[in-house]
Amino acid sequence: MARALTLPNATVEFSTTVKDLGVVLDSQLTMADHIAALSRSCFFYIRQLWIGLCSVLRPLQHSIGYMGDGFTGQKTQPTVSKY
């Protein structure tokens, strides 16, 4: 059941959370929603940094002849064309 505050010119819907100055607060002040949003944001930016780092390092790996898989560190021999 949605509750609302009716004013002469507008209706304001109640919410279980509010965001003020970048902090998400819920009615119990647990900050669980804030921590979840912060975690999602951090993982997004960490992934973007990882993708950028891989795009910089990949050409360097090829130029020095190292072609590891990036996770286990197992080296594979680069394929060299005779033509």
PDB file of N, CA and C in Angstrom:
ATOM      1  N   MET A   1       0.846  -1.170   0.000  1.00  0.00           N
ATOM      2  CA  MET A   1       0.000   0.000   0.000  1.00  0.00           C
ATOM      3  C   MET A   1       0.899   1.242   0.000  1.00  0.00           C
ATOM      4  N   ALA A   2       0.824   2.014  -1.038  1.00  0.00           N
ATOM      5  CA  ALA A   2       1.640   3.207  -1.164  1.00  0.00           C
ATOM      6  C   ALA A   2       0.991   4.353  -0.399  1.00  0.00           C
ATOM      7  N   ARG A   3       1.797   5.010   0.399  1.00  0.00           N
ATOM      8  CA  ARG A   3       1.307   6.163   1.125  1.00  0.00           C
ATOM      9  C   ARG A   3       1.784   7.416   0.404  1.00  0.00           C
ATOM     10  N   ALA A   4       1.015   8.469   0.515  1.00  0.00           N
ATOM     11  CA  ALA A   4       1.366   9.705  -0.155  1.00  0.00           C
ATOM     12  C   ALA A   4       0.892  10.891   0.673  1.00  0.00           C
ATOM     13  N   LEU A   5       1.577  11.986   0.491  1.00  0.00           N
ATOM     14  CA  LEU A   5       1.206  13.245   1.109  1.00  0.00           C
ATOM     15  C   LEU A   5       0.617  14.121   0.015  1.00  0.00           C
ATOM     16  N   THR A   6      -0.614  14.512   0.184  1.00  0.00           N
ATOM     17  CA  THR A   6      -1.283  15.310  -0.836  1.00  0.00           C
ATOM     18  C   THR A   6      -1.241  16.784  -0.430  1.00  0.00           C
ATOM     19  N   LEU A   7      -0.681  17.595  -1.292  1.00  0.00           N
ATOM     20  CA  LEU A   7      -0.595  19.037  -1.110  1.00  0.00           C
ATOM     21  C   LEU A   7      -1.500  19.701  -2.137  1.00  0.00           C
ATOM     22  N   PRO A   8      -1.747  20.991  -2.010  1.00  0.00           N
ATOM     23  CA  PRO A   8      -2.634  21.647  -2.975  1.00  0.00           C
ATOM     24  C   PRO A   8      -2.176  21.535  -4.432  1.00  0.00           C
ATOM     25  N   ASN A   9      -0.871  21.577  -4.672  1.00  0.00           N
ATOM     26  CA  ASN A   9      -0.388  21.563  -6.055  1.00  0.00           C
ATOM     27  C   ASN A   9       0.398  20.313  -6.427  1.00  0.00           C
ATOM     28  N   ALA A  10       0.579  19.378  -5.494  1.00  0.00           N
ATOM     29  CA  ALA A  10       1.406  18.202  -5.786  1.00  0.00           C
ATOM     30  C   ALA A  10       1.076  17.074  -4.825  1.00  0.00           C
ATOM     31  N   THR A  11       1.469  15.877  -5.233  1.00  0.00           N
ATOM     32  CA  THR A  11       1.375  14.707  -4.379  1.00  0.00           C
ATOM     33  C   THR A  11       2.777  14.148  -4.197  1.00  0.00           C
ATOM     34  N   VAL A  12       3.171  13.936  -2.948  1.00  0.00           N
ATOM     35  CA  VAL A  12       4.512  13.440  -2.642  1.00  0.00           C
ATOM     36  C   VAL A  12       4.389  12.002  -2.157  1.00  0.00           C
ATOM     37  N   GLU A  13       5.020  11.083  -2.890  1.00  0.00           N
ATOM     38  CA  GLU A  13       5.005   9.664  -2.521  1.00  0.00           C
ATOM     39  C   GLU A  13       6.060   9.410  -1.440  1.00  0.00           C
ATOM     40  N   PHE A  14       5.719   8.575  -0.468  1.00  0.00           N
ATOM     41  CA  PHE A  14       6.684   8.181   0.543  1.00  0.00           C
ATOM     42  C   PHE A  14       7.633   7.138  -0.026  1.00  0.00           C
ATOM     43  N   SER A  15       8.855   7.121   0.495  1.00  0.00           N
ATOM     44  CA  SER A  15       9.864   6.175   0.039  1.00  0.00           C
ATOM     45  C   SER A  15      10.511   5.510   1.245  1.00  0.00           C
ATOM     46  N   THR A  16      11.030   4.291   1.032  1.00  0.00           N
ATOM     47  CA  THR A  16      11.712   3.599   2.138  1.00  0.00           C
ATOM     48  C   THR A  16      13.157   4.044   2.264  1.00  0.00           C
ATOM     49  N   THR A  17      13.699   4.663   1.223  1.00  0.00           N
ATOM     50  CA  THR A  17      15.074   5.163   1.267  1.00  0.00           C
ATOM     51  C   THR A  17      15.111   6.600   0.745  1.00  0.00           C
ATOM     52  N   VAL A  18      16.145   7.307   1.150  1.00  0.00           N
ATOM     53  CA  VAL A  18      16.361   8.664   0.679  1.00  0.00           C
ATOM     54  C   VAL A  18      17.858   8.853   0.440  1.00  0.00           C
ATOM     55  N   LYS A  19      18.194   9.605  -0.594  1.00  0.00           N
ATOM     56  CA  LYS A  19      19.597   9.874  -0.904  1.00  0.00           C
ATOM     57  C   LYS A  19      19.855  11.360  -0.680  1.00  0.00           C
ATOM     58  N   ASP A  20      20.802  11.674   0.200  1.00  0.00           N
ATOM     59  CA  ASP A  20      21.140  13.052   0.513  1.00  0.00           C
ATOM     60  C   ASP A  20      22.658  13.178   0.559  1.00  0.00           C
ATOM     61  N   LEU A  21      23.193  14.105  -0.207  1.00  0.00           N
ATOM     62  CA  LEU A  21      24.640  14.326  -0.295  1.00  0.00           C
ATOM     63  C   LEU A  21      25.389  13.045  -0.660  1.00  0.00           C
ATOM     64  N   GLY A  22      24.764  12.201  -1.489  1.00  0.00           N
ATOM     65  CA  GLY A  22      25.408  10.982  -1.961  1.00  0.00           C
ATOM     66  C   GLY A  22      25.302   9.798  -1.019  1.00  0.00           C
ATOM     67  N   VAL A  23      24.650   9.972   0.132  1.00  0.00           N
ATOM     68  CA  VAL A  23      24.503   8.890   1.102  1.00  0.00           C
ATOM     69  C   VAL A  23      23.069   8.386   1.046  1.00  0.00           C
ATOM     70  N   VAL A  24      22.903   7.071   0.888  1.00  0.00           N
ATOM     71  CA  VAL A  24      21.578   6.455   0.838  1.00  0.00           C
ATOM     72  C   VAL A  24      21.227   5.979   2.249  1.00  0.00           C
ATOM     73  N   LEU A  25      20.130   6.500   2.779  1.00  0.00           N
ATOM     74  CA  LEU A  25      19.673   6.115   4.120  1.00  0.00           C
ATOM     75  C   LEU A  25      18.318   5.437   4.000  1.00  0.00           C
ATOM     76  N   ASP A  26      18.100   4.408   4.841  1.00  0.00           N
ATOM     77  CA  ASP A  26      16.788   3.776   4.886  1.00  0.00           C
ATOM     78  C   ASP A  26      16.096   4.159   6.193  1.00  0.00           C
ATOM     79  N   SER A  27      14.896   3.676   6.369  1.00  0.00           N
ATOM     80  CA  SER A  27      14.111   4.075   7.542  1.00  0.00           C
ATOM     81  C   SER A  27      14.698   3.554   8.849  1.00  0.00           C
ATOM     82  N   GLN A  28      15.532   2.507   8.794  1.00  0.00           N
ATOM     83  CA  GLN A  28      16.156   1.950   9.995  1.00  0.00           C
ATOM     84  C   GLN A  28      17.585   2.462  10.202  1.00  0.00           C
ATOM     85  N   LEU A  29      18.061   3.310   9.305  1.00  0.00           N
ATOM     86  CA  LEU A  29      19.426   3.867   9.339  1.00  0.00           C
ATOM     87  C   LEU A  29      20.502   2.777   9.318  1.00  0.00           C
ATOM     88  N   THR A  30      20.254   1.688   8.579  1.00  0.00           N
ATOM     89  CA  THR A  30      21.232   0.602   8.507  1.00  0.00           C
ATOM     90  C   THR A  30      22.306   0.862   7.463  1.00  0.00           C
ATOM     91  N   MET A  31      22.034   1.728   6.500  1.00  0.00           N
ATOM     92  CA  MET A  31      22.940   2.041   5.398  1.00  0.00           C
ATOM     93  C   MET A  31      23.218   0.839   4.502  1.00  0.00           C
ATOM     94  N   ALA A  32      22.391  -0.208   4.568  1.00  0.00           N
ATOM     95  CA  ALA A  32      22.588  -1.398   3.733  1.00  0.00           C
ATOM     96  C   ALA A  32      22.480  -1.042   2.254  1.00  0.00           C
ATOM     97  N   ASP A  33      21.513  -0.210   1.890  1.00  0.00           N
ATOM     98  CA  ASP A  33      21.366   0.198   0.491  1.00  0.00           C
ATOM     99  C   ASP A  33      22.552   1.039   0.037  1.00  0.00           C
ATOM    100  N   HIS A  34      23.076   1.870   0.938  1.00  0.00           N
ATOM    101  CA  HIS A  34      24.232   2.700   0.600  1.00  0.00           C
ATOM    102  C   HIS A  34      25.457   1.820   0.345  1.00  0.00           C
ATOM    103  N   ILE A  35      25.674   0.833   1.183  1.00  0.00           N
ATOM    104  CA  ILE A  35      26.822  -0.060   1.022  1.00  0.00           C
ATOM    105  C   ILE A  35      26.689  -0.876  -0.254  1.00  0.00           C
ATOM    106  N   ALA A  36      25.480  -1.327  -0.568  1.00  0.00           N
ATOM    107  CA  ALA A  36      25.266  -2.088  -1.802  1.00  0.00           C
ATOM    108  C   ALA A  36      25.538  -1.221  -3.030  1.00  0.00           C
ATOM    109  N   ALA A  37      25.055   0.018  -3.017  1.00  0.00           N
ATOM    110  CA  ALA A  37      25.292   0.918  -4.152  1.00  0.00           C
ATOM    111  C   ALA A  37      26.776   1.264  -4.274  1.00  0.00           C
ATOM    112  N   LEU A  38      27.437   1.483  -3.155  1.00  0.00           N
ATOM    113  CA  LEU A  38      28.868   1.795  -3.170  1.00  0.00           C
ATOM    114  C   LEU A  38      29.672   0.608  -3.695  1.00  0.00           C
ATOM    115  N   SER A  39      29.303  -0.602  -3.296  1.00  0.00           N
ATOM    116  CA  SER A  39      29.998  -1.802  -3.783  1.00  0.00           C
ATOM    117  C   SER A  39      29.834  -1.953  -5.290  1.00  0.00           C
ATOM    118  N   ARG A  40      28.608  -1.758  -5.790  1.00  0.00           N
ATOM    119  CA  ARG A  40      28.386  -1.846  -7.238  1.00  0.00           C
ATOM    120  C   ARG A  40      29.231  -0.826  -7.978  1.00  0.00           C
ATOM    121  N   SER A  41      29.290   0.387  -7.462  1.00  0.00           N
ATOM    122  CA  SER A  41      30.062   1.446  -8.106  1.00  0.00           C
ATOM    123  C   SER A  41      31.555   1.118  -8.104  1.00  0.00           C
ATOM    124  N   CYS A  42      32.066   0.644  -6.976  1.00  0.00           N
ATOM    125  CA  CYS A  42      33.491   0.292  -6.889  1.00  0.00           C
ATOM    126  C   CYS A  42      33.844  -0.835  -7.847  1.00  0.00           C
ATOM    127  N   PHE A  43      33.027  -1.884  -7.893  1.00  0.00           N
ATOM    128  CA  PHE A  43      33.307  -2.994  -8.798  1.00  0.00           C
ATOM    129  C   PHE A  43      33.259  -2.551 -10.250  1.00  0.00           C
ATOM    130  N   PHE A  44      32.350  -1.633 -10.583  1.00  0.00           N
ATOM    131  CA  PHE A  44      32.285  -1.106 -11.945  1.00  0.00           C
ATOM    132  C   PHE A  44      33.596  -0.411 -12.310  1.00  0.00           C
ATOM    133  N   TYR A  45      34.089   0.471 -11.440  1.00  0.00           N
ATOM    134  CA  TYR A  45      35.303   1.212 -11.753  1.00  0.00           C
ATOM    135  C   TYR A  45      36.551   0.328 -11.717  1.00  0.00           C
ATOM    136  N   ILE A  46      36.579  -0.661 -10.838  1.00  0.00           N
ATOM    137  CA  ILE A  46      37.702  -1.604 -10.830  1.00  0.00           C
ATOM    138  C   ILE A  46      37.735  -2.377 -12.140  1.00  0.00           C
ATOM    139  N   ARG A  47      36.573  -2.803 -12.617  1.00  0.00           N
ATOM    140  CA  ARG A  47      36.514  -3.523 -13.893  1.00  0.00           C
ATOM    141  C   ARG A  47      36.964  -2.625 -15.046  1.00  0.00           C
ATOM    142  N   GLN A  48      36.549  -1.364 -15.038  1.00  0.00           N
ATOM    143  CA  GLN A  48      36.964  -0.447 -16.097  1.00  0.00           C
ATOM    144  C   GLN A  48      38.481  -0.247 -16.075  1.00  0.00           C
ATOM    145  N   LEU A  49      39.069  -0.137 -14.891  1.00  0.00           N
ATOM    146  CA  LEU A  49      40.527  -0.007 -14.792  1.00  0.00           C
ATOM    147  C   LEU A  49      41.222  -1.263 -15.297  1.00  0.00           C
ATOM    148  N   TRP A  50      40.679  -2.444 -14.963  1.00  0.00           N
ATOM    149  CA  TRP A  50      41.262  -3.707 -15.405  1.00  0.00           C
ATOM    150  C   TRP A  50      41.223  -3.819 -16.932  1.00  0.00           C
ATOM    151  N   ILE A  51      40.099  -3.455 -17.524  1.00  0.00           N
ATOM    152  CA  ILE A  51      39.970  -3.509 -18.979  1.00  0.00           C
ATOM    153  C   ILE A  51      40.974  -2.557 -19.623  1.00  0.00           C
ATOM    154  N   GLY A  52      41.113  -1.357 -19.067  1.00  0.00           N
ATOM    155  CA  GLY A  52      42.084  -0.403 -19.598  1.00  0.00           C
ATOM    156  C   GLY A  52      43.507  -0.895 -19.458  1.00  0.00           C
ATOM    157  N   LEU A  53      43.833  -1.480 -18.314  1.00  0.00           N
ATOM    158  CA  LEU A  53      45.178  -2.002 -18.092  1.00  0.00           C
ATOM    159  C   LEU A  53      45.482  -3.140 -19.060  1.00  0.00           C
ATOM    160  N   CYS A  54      44.524  -4.028 -19.278  1.00  0.00           N
ATOM    161  CA  CYS A  54      44.734  -5.139 -20.216  1.00  0.00           C
ATOM    162  C   CYS A  54      44.940  -4.631 -21.635  1.00  0.00           C
ATOM    163  N   SER A  55      44.209  -3.588 -22.013  1.00  0.00           N
ATOM    164  CA  SER A  55      44.365  -3.072 -23.370  1.00  0.00           C
ATOM    165  C   SER A  55      45.719  -2.409 -23.571  1.00  0.00           C
ATOM    166  N   VAL A  56      46.332  -1.933 -22.489  1.00  0.00           N
ATOM    167  CA  VAL A  56      47.672  -1.343 -22.580  1.00  0.00           C
ATOM    168  C   VAL A  56      48.736  -2.434 -22.568  1.00  0.00           C
ATOM    169  N   LEU A  57      48.546  -3.449 -21.737  1.00  0.00           N
ATOM    170  CA  LEU A  57      49.572  -4.485 -21.585  1.00  0.00           C
ATOM    171  C   LEU A  57      49.573  -5.500 -22.720  1.00  0.00           C
ATOM    172  N   ARG A  58      48.431  -5.754 -23.340  1.00  0.00           N
ATOM    173  CA  ARG A  58      48.349  -6.769 -24.386  1.00  0.00           C
ATOM    174  C   ARG A  58      49.327  -6.480 -25.536  1.00  0.00           C
ATOM    175  N   PRO A  59      49.401  -5.260 -26.079  1.00  0.00           N
ATOM    176  CA  PRO A  59      50.383  -5.009 -27.141  1.00  0.00           C
ATOM    177  C   PRO A  59      51.826  -5.173 -26.658  1.00  0.00           C
ATOM    178  N   LEU A  60      52.074  -4.852 -25.397  1.00  0.00           N
ATOM    179  CA  LEU A  60      53.425  -5.030 -24.859  1.00  0.00           C
ATOM    180  C   LEU A  60      53.791  -6.504 -24.776  1.00  0.00           C
ATOM    181  N   GLN A  61      52.837  -7.344 -24.389  1.00  0.00           N
ATOM    182  CA  GLN A  61      53.094  -8.776 -24.322  1.00  0.00           C
ATOM    183  C   GLN A  61      53.446  -9.324 -25.698  1.00  0.00           C
ATOM    184  N   HIS A  62      52.739  -8.885 -26.715  1.00  0.00           N
ATOM    185  CA  HIS A  62      53.002  -9.374 -28.062  1.00  0.00           C
ATOM    186  C   HIS A  62      54.342  -8.871 -28.575  1.00  0.00           C
ATOM    187  N   SER A  63      54.714  -7.652 -28.206  1.00  0.00           N
ATOM    188  CA  SER A  63      55.965  -7.105 -28.718  1.00  0.00           C
ATOM    189  C   SER A  63      57.191  -7.774 -28.099  1.00  0.00           C
ATOM    190  N   ILE A  64      57.063  -8.319 -26.882  1.00  0.00           N
ATOM    191  CA  ILE A  64      58.209  -8.985 -26.273  1.00  0.00           C
ATOM    192  C   ILE A  64      58.136 -10.507 -26.420  1.00  0.00           C
ATOM    193  N   GLY A  65      57.087 -11.008 -27.078  1.00  0.00           N
ATOM    194  CA  GLY A  65      56.984 -12.439 -27.345  1.00  0.00           C
ATOM    195  C   GLY A  65      56.343 -13.237 -26.247  1.00  0.00           C
ATOM    196  N   TYR A  66      55.778 -12.585 -25.245  1.00  0.00           N
ATOM    197  CA  TYR A  66      55.103 -13.304 -24.169  1.00  0.00           C
ATOM    198  C   TYR A  66      53.619 -13.281 -24.431  1.00  0.00           C
ATOM    199  N   MET A  67      53.008 -14.452 -24.422  1.00  0.00           N
ATOM    200  CA  MET A  67      51.566 -14.522 -24.624  1.00  0.00           C
ATOM    201  C   MET A  67      50.968 -15.436 -23.566  1.00  0.00           C
ATOM    202  N   GLY A  68      50.949 -14.999 -22.322  1.00  0.00           N
ATOM    203  CA  GLY A  68      50.332 -15.771 -21.253  1.00  0.00           C
ATOM    204  C   GLY A  68      48.837 -15.550 -21.260  1.00  0.00           C
ATOM    205  N   ASP A  69      48.138 -16.381 -20.504  1.00  0.00           N
ATOM    206  CA  ASP A  69      46.686 -16.236 -20.479  1.00  0.00           C
ATOM    207  C   ASP A  69      46.232 -15.145 -19.518  1.00  0.00           C
ATOM    208  N   GLY A  70      47.137 -14.578 -18.726  1.00  0.00           N
ATOM    209  CA  GLY A  70      46.795 -13.469 -17.854  1.00  0.00           C
ATOM    210  C   GLY A  70      46.306 -13.878 -16.486  1.00  0.00           C
ATOM    211  N   PHE A  71      45.925 -15.133 -16.307  1.00  0.00           N
ATOM    212  CA  PHE A  71      45.412 -15.559 -15.013  1.00  0.00           C
ATOM    213  C   PHE A  71      46.330 -16.598 -14.366  1.00  0.00           C
ATOM    214  N   THR A  72      46.681 -17.647 -15.112  1.00  0.00           N
ATOM    215  CA  THR A  72      47.537 -18.669 -14.531  1.00  0.00           C
ATOM    216  C   THR A  72      49.004 -18.376 -14.777  1.00  0.00           C
ATOM    217  N   GLY A  73      49.294 -17.489 -15.711  1.00  0.00           N
ATOM    218  CA  GLY A  73      50.683 -17.154 -16.019  1.00  0.00           C
ATOM    219  C   GLY A  73      51.359 -18.164 -16.919  1.00  0.00           C
ATOM    220  N   GLN A  74      50.599 -19.141 -17.435  1.00  0.00           N
ATOM    221  CA  GLN A  74      51.200 -20.130 -18.313  1.00  0.00           C
ATOM    222  C   GLN A  74      51.556 -19.476 -19.636  1.00  0.00           C
ATOM    223  N   LYS A  75      52.795 -19.691 -20.040  1.00  0.00           N
ATOM    224  CA  LYS A  75      53.267 -19.087 -21.276  1.00  0.00           C
ATOM    225  C   LYS A  75      52.936 -19.980 -22.465  1.00  0.00           C
ATOM    226  N   THR A  76      52.617 -19.365 -23.556  1.00  0.00           N
ATOM    227  CA  THR A  76      52.414 -20.074 -24.799  1.00  0.00           C
ATOM    228  C   THR A  76      53.385 -19.489 -25.817  1.00  0.00           C
ATOM    229  N   GLN A  77      53.837 -20.291 -26.706  1.00  0.00           N
ATOM    230  CA  GLN A  77      54.770 -19.794 -27.708  1.00  0.00           C
ATOM    231  C   GLN A  77      54.029 -18.974 -28.751  1.00  0.00           C
ATOM    232  N   PRO A  78      54.567 -17.810 -29.095  1.00  0.00           N
ATOM    233  CA  PRO A  78      53.919 -17.003 -30.151  1.00  0.00           C
ATOM    234  C   PRO A  78      54.053 -17.710 -31.493  1.00  0.00           C
ATOM    235  N   THR A  79      53.044 -17.572 -32.307  1.00  0.00           N
ATOM    236  CA  THR A  79      53.099 -18.150 -33.636  1.00  0.00           C
ATOM    237  C   THR A  79      53.841 -17.177 -34.541  1.00  0.00           C
ATOM    238  N   VAL A  80      54.840 -17.698 -35.260  1.00  0.00           N
ATOM    239  CA  VAL A  80      55.648 -16.888 -36.150  1.00  0.00           C
ATOM    240  C   VAL A  80      55.397 -17.351 -37.573  1.00  0.00           C
ATOM    241  N   SER A  81      54.974 -16.451 -38.398  1.00  0.00           N
ATOM    242  CA  SER A  81      54.726 -16.788 -39.790  1.00  0.00           C
ATOM    243  C   SER A  81      56.038 -16.782 -40.563  1.00  0.00           C
ATOM    244  N   LYS A  82      56.233 -17.753 -41.446  1.00  0.00           N
ATOM    245  CA  LYS A  82      57.445 -17.809 -42.257  1.00  0.00           C
ATOM    246  C   LYS A  82      57.314 -16.941 -43.489  1.00  0.00           C
ATOM    247  N   TYR A  83      56.168 -16.401 -43.743  1.00  0.00           N
ATOM    248  CA  TYR A  83      55.955 -15.615 -44.966  1.00  0.00           C
ATOM    249  C   TYR A  83      55.828 -14.165 -44.662  1.00  0.00           C
TER     250      TYR A  83
END
